[in-house]
Amino acid sequence: MKRIFLSLILTAATLPWATAALAQQDPSEAPATRPVNPVSASQKLIFVPDSLKPYDFNKDDERWCWRHSAQTQNIVYFWEKPFGDNPQNPPSLEGKPMKFDLGNLQTQVERFYRFFRDTLKFSLPGSICDKYKMMVMVNYSLEGTAYGGTYDDFIGALWVTPNRIQDKKLNCLAHELGHSFQLQIMADKTGEAWGGSGFFEMTSQWMLWRVNPE
């Protein structure tokens, strides 16, 4: 099983998308992308984990596809098929609104990424995330839990539902992206970690307080 230690609420039971894999496996690269908003900087690669390989990203009716994605310089964002083309105007689920602000999501998560990498130094030169984009997966669900970790013990990722990304500061995602960076250290084989859940949770909370002090 993938190592997640004693910490992080991310487990194989609660997060089926983060499938176990050998750290030595050959990374998969996505086919030619069709992003919604291509960025001007030189593009990093996009890793396709084992759990997403059954989907043809070039088919617009797949659960995960390029049509329902967006990119910034360091992150790729996917939203599930039921949201439709416009995540700010998706169909409701059991009478609950499912919309989220994609533009704010991109702006804030990219800002968190740069702060954690450049200011807090949670990623050093030579990291896998220098070549590959971290991943944000927005699930069409009423579940109220967000998770941060890695895909296949290779690249940082997080999974979230709309009800956790309604505040403009996105404090929840700052915390969860902290977990993604924590496990990226282990995926890069540049360090180990121990200390149990409290250690990881307080570190992520400290990262949140640093990037969003108010």
C-alpha atoms as a PDB file:
ATOM      1  CA  MET A   1       0.000   0.000   0.000  1.00  0.00           C
ATOM      2  CA  LYS A   2       1.022   3.561  -0.544  1.00  0.00           C
ATOM      3  CA  ARG A   3       2.722   5.105   2.476  1.00  0.00           C
ATOM      4  CA  ILE A   4       0.638   7.791   4.088  1.00  0.00           C
ATOM      5  CA  PHE A   5       1.976   7.039   7.581  1.00  0.00           C
ATOM      6  CA  LEU A   6      -0.244   7.567  10.615  1.00  0.00           C
ATOM      7  CA  SER A   7      -1.205  11.017   9.508  1.00  0.00           C
ATOM      8  CA  LEU A   8      -3.472  12.666   7.022  1.00  0.00           C
ATOM      9  CA  ILE A   9      -7.043  11.738   6.699  1.00  0.00           C
ATOM     10  CA  LEU A  10      -6.120  10.590   3.213  1.00  0.00           C
ATOM     11  CA  THR A  11      -6.436   6.795   3.213  1.00  0.00           C
ATOM     12  CA  ALA A  12      -7.050   4.116   0.657  1.00  0.00           C
ATOM     13  CA  ALA A  13     -10.476   3.617   2.214  1.00  0.00           C
ATOM     14  CA  THR A  14     -11.588   7.229   2.129  1.00  0.00           C
ATOM     15  CA  LEU A  15      -9.832   8.239  -1.077  1.00  0.00           C
ATOM     16  CA  PRO A  16     -10.189   5.671  -3.844  1.00  0.00           C
ATOM     17  CA  TRP A  17      -8.657   8.006  -6.426  1.00  0.00           C
ATOM     18  CA  ALA A  18      -5.197   7.957  -4.822  1.00  0.00           C
ATOM     19  CA  THR A  19      -4.291   4.446  -5.863  1.00  0.00           C
ATOM     20  CA  ALA A  20      -1.287   2.622  -4.531  1.00  0.00           C
ATOM     21  CA  ALA A  21       1.736   2.254  -6.786  1.00  0.00           C
ATOM     22  CA  LEU A  22       5.411   1.500  -6.662  1.00  0.00           C
ATOM     23  CA  ALA A  23       7.556   4.592  -6.355  1.00  0.00           C
ATOM     24  CA  GLN A  24       9.794   3.213  -9.091  1.00  0.00           C
ATOM     25  CA  GLN A  25       7.040   2.997 -11.677  1.00  0.00           C
ATOM     26  CA  ASP A  26       7.472   4.795 -14.974  1.00  0.00           C
ATOM     27  CA  PRO A  27       5.388   7.987 -14.976  1.00  0.00           C
ATOM     28  CA  SER A  28       2.651   8.310 -17.566  1.00  0.00           C
ATOM     29  CA  GLU A  29       2.323  11.491 -19.525  1.00  0.00           C
ATOM     30  CA  ALA A  30      -0.919  12.830 -20.871  1.00  0.00           C
ATOM     31  CA  PRO A  31      -1.507  13.065 -24.604  1.00  0.00           C
ATOM     32  CA  ALA A  32      -1.561  16.472 -26.263  1.00  0.00           C
ATOM     33  CA  THR A  33      -3.609  18.679 -23.980  1.00  0.00           C
ATOM     34  CA  ARG A  34      -6.657  20.726 -24.859  1.00  0.00           C
ATOM     35  CA  PRO A  35      -6.733  23.138 -21.890  1.00  0.00           C
ATOM     36  CA  VAL A  36      -9.496  25.653 -21.360  1.00  0.00           C
ATOM     37  CA  ASN A  37      -7.060  28.461 -20.662  1.00  0.00           C
ATOM     38  CA  PRO A  38      -3.497  27.722 -21.771  1.00  0.00           C
ATOM     39  CA  VAL A  39      -0.886  29.575 -19.774  1.00  0.00           C
ATOM     40  CA  SER A  40       1.815  31.658 -21.414  1.00  0.00           C
ATOM     41  CA  ALA A  41       4.750  30.071 -19.567  1.00  0.00           C
ATOM     42  CA  SER A  42       6.415  26.907 -20.786  1.00  0.00           C
ATOM     43  CA  GLN A  43       4.090  24.066 -19.849  1.00  0.00           C
ATOM     44  CA  LYS A  44       4.973  21.409 -17.342  1.00  0.00           C
ATOM     45  CA  LEU A  45       3.829  17.848 -18.010  1.00  0.00           C
ATOM     46  CA  ILE A  46       0.646  16.330 -16.635  1.00  0.00           C
ATOM     47  CA  PHE A  47       0.890  12.981 -14.889  1.00  0.00           C
ATOM     48  CA  VAL A  48      -1.881  10.453 -15.540  1.00  0.00           C
ATOM     49  CA  PRO A  49      -2.222   8.194 -12.484  1.00  0.00           C
ATOM     50  CA  ASP A  50      -3.383   4.607 -12.678  1.00  0.00           C
ATOM     51  CA  SER A  51      -6.910   5.429 -11.506  1.00  0.00           C
ATOM     52  CA  LEU A  52      -7.429   7.914 -14.363  1.00  0.00           C
ATOM     53  CA  LYS A  53      -5.961   5.822 -17.184  1.00  0.00           C
ATOM     54  CA  PRO A  54      -9.334   4.228 -18.079  1.00  0.00           C
ATOM     55  CA  TYR A  55     -10.615   7.649 -19.189  1.00  0.00           C
ATOM     56  CA  ASP A  56     -10.021   9.085 -22.649  1.00  0.00           C
ATOM     57  CA  PHE A  57      -9.355  12.727 -21.808  1.00  0.00           C
ATOM     58  CA  ASN A  58      -9.998  13.733 -25.417  1.00  0.00           C
ATOM     59  CA  LYS A  59     -13.646  12.594 -25.210  1.00  0.00           C
ATOM     60  CA  ASP A  60     -15.877  15.327 -23.808  1.00  0.00           C
ATOM     61  CA  ASP A  61     -18.397  12.870 -22.325  1.00  0.00           C
ATOM     62  CA  GLU A  62     -15.868  11.115 -20.048  1.00  0.00           C
ATOM     63  CA  ARG A  63     -15.981  11.566 -16.276  1.00  0.00           C
ATOM     64  CA  TRP A  64     -12.634  13.387 -16.497  1.00  0.00           C
ATOM     65  CA  CYS A  65     -11.632  15.155 -19.712  1.00  0.00           C
ATOM     66  CA  TRP A  66      -9.650  18.082 -21.090  1.00  0.00           C
ATOM     67  CA  ARG A  67     -12.843  20.011 -21.847  1.00  0.00           C
ATOM     68  CA  HIS A  68     -13.566  20.088 -18.113  1.00  0.00           C
ATOM     69  CA  SER A  69     -10.123  21.215 -17.050  1.00  0.00           C
ATOM     70  CA  ALA A  70      -8.047  24.347 -16.673  1.00  0.00           C
ATOM     71  CA  GLN A  71      -4.396  25.034 -16.012  1.00  0.00           C
ATOM     72  CA  THR A  72      -2.102  27.514 -14.365  1.00  0.00           C
ATOM     73  CA  GLN A  73       1.669  27.365 -14.544  1.00  0.00           C
ATOM     74  CA  ASN A  74       2.034  24.799 -11.736  1.00  0.00           C
ATOM     75  CA  ILE A  75      -1.415  23.224 -11.326  1.00  0.00           C
ATOM     76  CA  VAL A  76      -3.946  21.400 -13.478  1.00  0.00           C
ATOM     77  CA  TYR A  77      -7.587  21.524 -12.345  1.00  0.00           C
ATOM     78  CA  PHE A  78     -10.253  18.984 -13.326  1.00  0.00           C
ATOM     79  CA  TRP A  79     -13.943  19.030 -12.508  1.00  0.00           C
ATOM     80  CA  GLU A  80     -16.246  16.034 -12.924  1.00  0.00           C
ATOM     81  CA  LYS A  81     -18.543  15.608 -15.911  1.00  0.00           C
ATOM     82  CA  PRO A  82     -21.839  16.438 -14.063  1.00  0.00           C
ATOM     83  CA  PHE A  83     -20.693  20.038 -13.530  1.00  0.00           C
ATOM     84  CA  GLY A  84     -20.916  20.629 -17.258  1.00  0.00           C
ATOM     85  CA  ASP A  85     -18.844  23.158 -19.142  1.00  0.00           C
ATOM     86  CA  ASN A  86     -19.406  26.023 -16.702  1.00  0.00           C
ATOM     87  CA  PRO A  87     -18.696  25.199 -13.040  1.00  0.00           C
ATOM     88  CA  GLN A  88     -20.249  28.513 -12.047  1.00  0.00           C
ATOM     89  CA  ASN A  89     -23.606  27.335 -13.369  1.00  0.00           C
ATOM     90  CA  PRO A  90     -23.856  23.566 -12.892  1.00  0.00           C
ATOM     91  CA  PRO A  91     -27.021  21.587 -12.174  1.00  0.00           C
ATOM     92  CA  SER A  92     -27.928  21.262  -8.501  1.00  0.00           C
ATOM     93  CA  LEU A  93     -27.507  17.984  -6.634  1.00  0.00           C
ATOM     94  CA  GLU A  94     -30.351  16.909  -4.343  1.00  0.00           C
ATOM     95  CA  GLY A  95     -31.480  20.508  -4.333  1.00  0.00           C
ATOM     96  CA  LYS A  96     -28.058  21.804  -3.258  1.00  0.00           C
ATOM     97  CA  PRO A  97     -26.067  24.323  -5.354  1.00  0.00           C
ATOM     98  CA  MET A  98     -22.858  22.903  -6.807  1.00  0.00           C
ATOM     99  CA  LYS A  99     -21.250  25.979  -8.332  1.00  0.00           C
ATOM    100  CA  PHE A 100     -17.740  27.157  -7.536  1.00  0.00           C
ATOM    101  CA  ASP A 101     -15.569  30.034  -8.684  1.00  0.00           C
ATOM    102  CA  LEU A 102     -12.998  28.474 -11.003  1.00  0.00           C
ATOM    103  CA  GLY A 103     -11.095  31.728 -11.479  1.00  0.00           C
ATOM    104  CA  ASN A 104     -10.641  32.250  -7.747  1.00  0.00           C
ATOM    105  CA  LEU A 105      -9.701  28.589  -7.319  1.00  0.00           C
ATOM    106  CA  GLN A 106      -6.925  28.946  -9.885  1.00  0.00           C
ATOM    107  CA  THR A 107      -5.649  32.228  -8.482  1.00  0.00           C
ATOM    108  CA  GLN A 108      -5.557  31.128  -4.854  1.00  0.00           C
ATOM    109  CA  VAL A 109      -4.157  27.610  -5.275  1.00  0.00           C
ATOM    110  CA  GLU A 110      -1.411  28.861  -7.587  1.00  0.00           C
ATOM    111  CA  ARG A 111      -0.569  31.495  -4.965  1.00  0.00           C
ATOM    112  CA  PHE A 112      -0.436  28.850  -2.229  1.00  0.00           C
ATOM    113  CA  TYR A 113       1.804  26.687  -4.399  1.00  0.00           C
ATOM    114  CA  ARG A 114       4.310  29.449  -5.051  1.00  0.00           C
ATOM    115  CA  PHE A 115       4.415  30.452  -1.379  1.00  0.00           C
ATOM    116  CA  PHE A 116       4.957  26.909  -0.143  1.00  0.00           C
ATOM    117  CA  ARG A 117       7.630  26.295  -2.767  1.00  0.00           C
ATOM    118  CA  ASP A 118       9.462  29.635  -2.855  1.00  0.00           C
ATOM    119  CA  THR A 119       9.011  31.063   0.647  1.00  0.00           C
ATOM    120  CA  LEU A 120       8.601  28.026   2.905  1.00  0.00           C
ATOM    121  CA  LYS A 121      10.912  25.862   0.749  1.00  0.00           C
ATOM    122  CA  PHE A 122       8.773  22.730   0.941  1.00  0.00           C
ATOM    123  CA  SER A 123      10.006  21.853  -2.531  1.00  0.00           C
ATOM    124  CA  LEU A 124      13.663  21.966  -3.533  1.00  0.00           C
ATOM    125  CA  PRO A 125      15.176  22.161  -7.042  1.00  0.00           C
ATOM    126  CA  GLY A 126      15.050  18.782  -8.706  1.00  0.00           C
ATOM    127  CA  SER A 127      11.627  17.884  -7.310  1.00  0.00           C
ATOM    128  CA  ILE A 128       9.234  15.916  -9.483  1.00  0.00           C
ATOM    129  CA  CYS A 129       6.940  18.938  -9.310  1.00  0.00           C
ATOM    130  CA  ASP A 130       9.560  20.948 -11.222  1.00  0.00           C
ATOM    131  CA  LYS A 131       8.568  18.889 -14.273  1.00  0.00           C
ATOM    132  CA  TYR A 132       4.983  17.860 -13.522  1.00  0.00           C
ATOM    133  CA  LYS A 133       1.974  19.909 -12.456  1.00  0.00           C
ATOM    134  CA  MET A 134       0.252  19.171  -9.178  1.00  0.00           C
ATOM    135  CA  MET A 135      -3.407  18.236  -9.558  1.00  0.00           C
ATOM    136  CA  VAL A 136      -6.702  19.525  -8.148  1.00  0.00           C
ATOM    137  CA  MET A 137      -9.730  17.273  -8.616  1.00  0.00           C
ATOM    138  CA  VAL A 138     -13.188  18.760  -7.934  1.00  0.00           C
ATOM    139  CA  ASN A 139     -15.758  16.037  -7.343  1.00  0.00           C
ATOM    140  CA  TYR A 140     -19.465  16.452  -8.005  1.00  0.00           C
ATOM    141  CA  SER A 141     -20.519  15.364  -4.534  1.00  0.00           C
ATOM    142  CA  LEU A 142     -22.085  16.684  -1.341  1.00  0.00           C
ATOM    143  CA  GLU A 143     -19.367  15.069   0.766  1.00  0.00           C
ATOM    144  CA  GLY A 144     -17.872  17.727   3.019  1.00  0.00           C
ATOM    145  CA  THR A 145     -14.305  16.462   3.259  1.00  0.00           C
ATOM    146  CA  ALA A 146     -11.216  17.637   1.366  1.00  0.00           C
ATOM    147  CA  TYR A 147      -8.053  15.558   1.050  1.00  0.00           C
ATOM    148  CA  GLY A 148      -4.431  16.389   0.261  1.00  0.00           C
ATOM    149  CA  GLY A 149      -1.785  13.861  -0.714  1.00  0.00           C
ATOM    150  CA  THR A 150      -0.194  12.460  -3.859  1.00  0.00           C
ATOM    151  CA  TYR A 151      -1.274  10.472  -6.863  1.00  0.00           C
ATOM    152  CA  ASP A 152       0.596   7.164  -7.017  1.00  0.00           C
ATOM    153  CA  ASP A 153       3.267   8.411  -4.595  1.00  0.00           C
ATOM    154  CA  PHE A 154       4.506  10.547  -7.487  1.00  0.00           C
ATOM    155  CA  ILE A 155       2.933  14.024  -7.735  1.00  0.00           C
ATOM    156  CA  GLY A 156       1.069  16.189  -5.250  1.00  0.00           C
ATOM    157  CA  ALA A 157      -2.705  16.292  -5.598  1.00  0.00           C
ATOM    158  CA  LEU A 158      -5.817  17.228  -3.691  1.00  0.00           C
ATOM    159  CA  TRP A 159      -9.482  16.263  -3.914  1.00  0.00           C
ATOM    160  CA  VAL A 160     -12.352  18.527  -2.917  1.00  0.00           C
ATOM    161  CA  THR A 161     -16.076  19.140  -3.309  1.00  0.00           C
ATOM    162  CA  PRO A 162     -17.792  22.477  -3.983  1.00  0.00           C
ATOM    163  CA  ASN A 163     -19.035  23.040  -0.430  1.00  0.00           C
ATOM    164  CA  ARG A 164     -15.424  23.334   0.779  1.00  0.00           C
ATOM    165  CA  ILE A 165     -14.357  25.986  -1.735  1.00  0.00           C
ATOM    166  CA  GLN A 166     -16.977  28.694  -1.294  1.00  0.00           C
ATOM    167  CA  ASP A 167     -14.894  31.129   0.800  1.00  0.00           C
ATOM    168  CA  LYS A 168     -12.725  33.542  -1.182  1.00  0.00           C
ATOM    169  CA  LYS A 169      -9.559  32.792   0.820  1.00  0.00           C
ATOM    170  CA  LEU A 170      -9.879  29.027   0.324  1.00  0.00           C
ATOM    171  CA  ASN A 171      -8.313  28.290   3.709  1.00  0.00           C
ATOM    172  CA  CYS A 172      -9.314  24.636   3.416  1.00  0.00           C
ATOM    173  CA  LEU A 173      -7.258  24.194   0.254  1.00  0.00           C
ATOM    174  CA  ALA A 174      -4.258  25.997   1.714  1.00  0.00           C
ATOM    175  CA  HIS A 175      -4.269  23.396   4.497  1.00  0.00           C
ATOM    176  CA  GLU A 176      -4.762  20.447   2.133  1.00  0.00           C
ATOM    177  CA  LEU A 177      -2.134  21.633  -0.337  1.00  0.00           C
ATOM    178  CA  GLY A 178       0.193  21.655   2.643  1.00  0.00           C
ATOM    179  CA  HIS A 179      -0.373  17.907   2.924  1.00  0.00           C
ATOM    180  CA  SER A 180       0.318  17.563  -0.801  1.00  0.00           C
ATOM    181  CA  PHE A 181       3.694  19.237  -0.340  1.00  0.00           C
ATOM    182  CA  GLN A 182       4.449  17.116   2.730  1.00  0.00           C
ATOM    183  CA  LEU A 183       3.947  13.916   0.755  1.00  0.00           C
ATOM    184  CA  GLN A 184       5.766  15.354  -2.259  1.00  0.00           C
ATOM    185  CA  ILE A 185       8.897  15.398  -0.095  1.00  0.00           C
ATOM    186  CA  MET A 186       8.562  11.647   0.358  1.00  0.00           C
ATOM    187  CA  ALA A 187       7.687  11.075  -3.297  1.00  0.00           C
ATOM    188  CA  ASP A 188      10.882  12.958  -4.206  1.00  0.00           C
ATOM    189  CA  LYS A 189      12.844  10.702  -1.820  1.00  0.00           C
ATOM    190  CA  THR A 190      14.384  13.795  -0.219  1.00  0.00           C
ATOM    191  CA  GLY A 191      13.183  13.053   3.294  1.00  0.00           C
ATOM    192  CA  GLU A 192      11.041  10.957   5.583  1.00  0.00           C
ATOM    193  CA  ALA A 193       8.454  11.985   8.138  1.00  0.00           C
ATOM    194  CA  TRP A 194       7.112  10.650  11.392  1.00  0.00           C
ATOM    195  CA  GLY A 195       5.297  11.888  14.465  1.00  0.00           C
ATOM    196  CA  GLY A 196       1.736  10.845  13.772  1.00  0.00           C
ATOM    197  CA  SER A 197      -1.318  12.783  12.680  1.00  0.00           C
ATOM    198  CA  GLY A 198      -0.736  15.703  15.019  1.00  0.00           C
ATOM    199  CA  PHE A 199       2.625  16.476  13.410  1.00  0.00           C
ATOM    200  CA  PHE A 200       1.199  16.590   9.885  1.00  0.00           C
ATOM    201  CA  GLU A 201      -1.968  18.418  10.833  1.00  0.00           C
ATOM    202  CA  MET A 202      -0.227  21.149  12.800  1.00  0.00           C
ATOM    203  CA  THR A 203       2.341  21.593  10.028  1.00  0.00           C
ATOM    204  CA  SER A 204      -0.419  22.070   7.461  1.00  0.00           C
ATOM    205  CA  GLN A 205      -2.213  24.464   9.784  1.00  0.00           C
ATOM    206  CA  TRP A 206       1.015  26.444  10.219  1.00  0.00           C
ATOM    207  CA  MET A 207       1.386  26.572   6.428  1.00  0.00           C
ATOM    208  CA  LEU A 208      -2.172  27.898   6.180  1.00  0.00           C
ATOM    209  CA  TRP A 209      -1.512  30.580   8.797  1.00  0.00           C
ATOM    210  CA  ARG A 210       1.637  31.653   6.977  1.00  0.00           C
ATOM    211  CA  VAL A 211       0.023  32.018   3.556  1.00  0.00           C
ATOM    212  CA  ASN A 212      -3.300  33.404   4.885  1.00  0.00           C
ATOM    213  CA  PRO A 213      -2.381  35.126   8.166  1.00  0.00           C
ATOM    214  CA  GLU A 214      -5.755  36.849   8.565  1.00  0.00           C
END
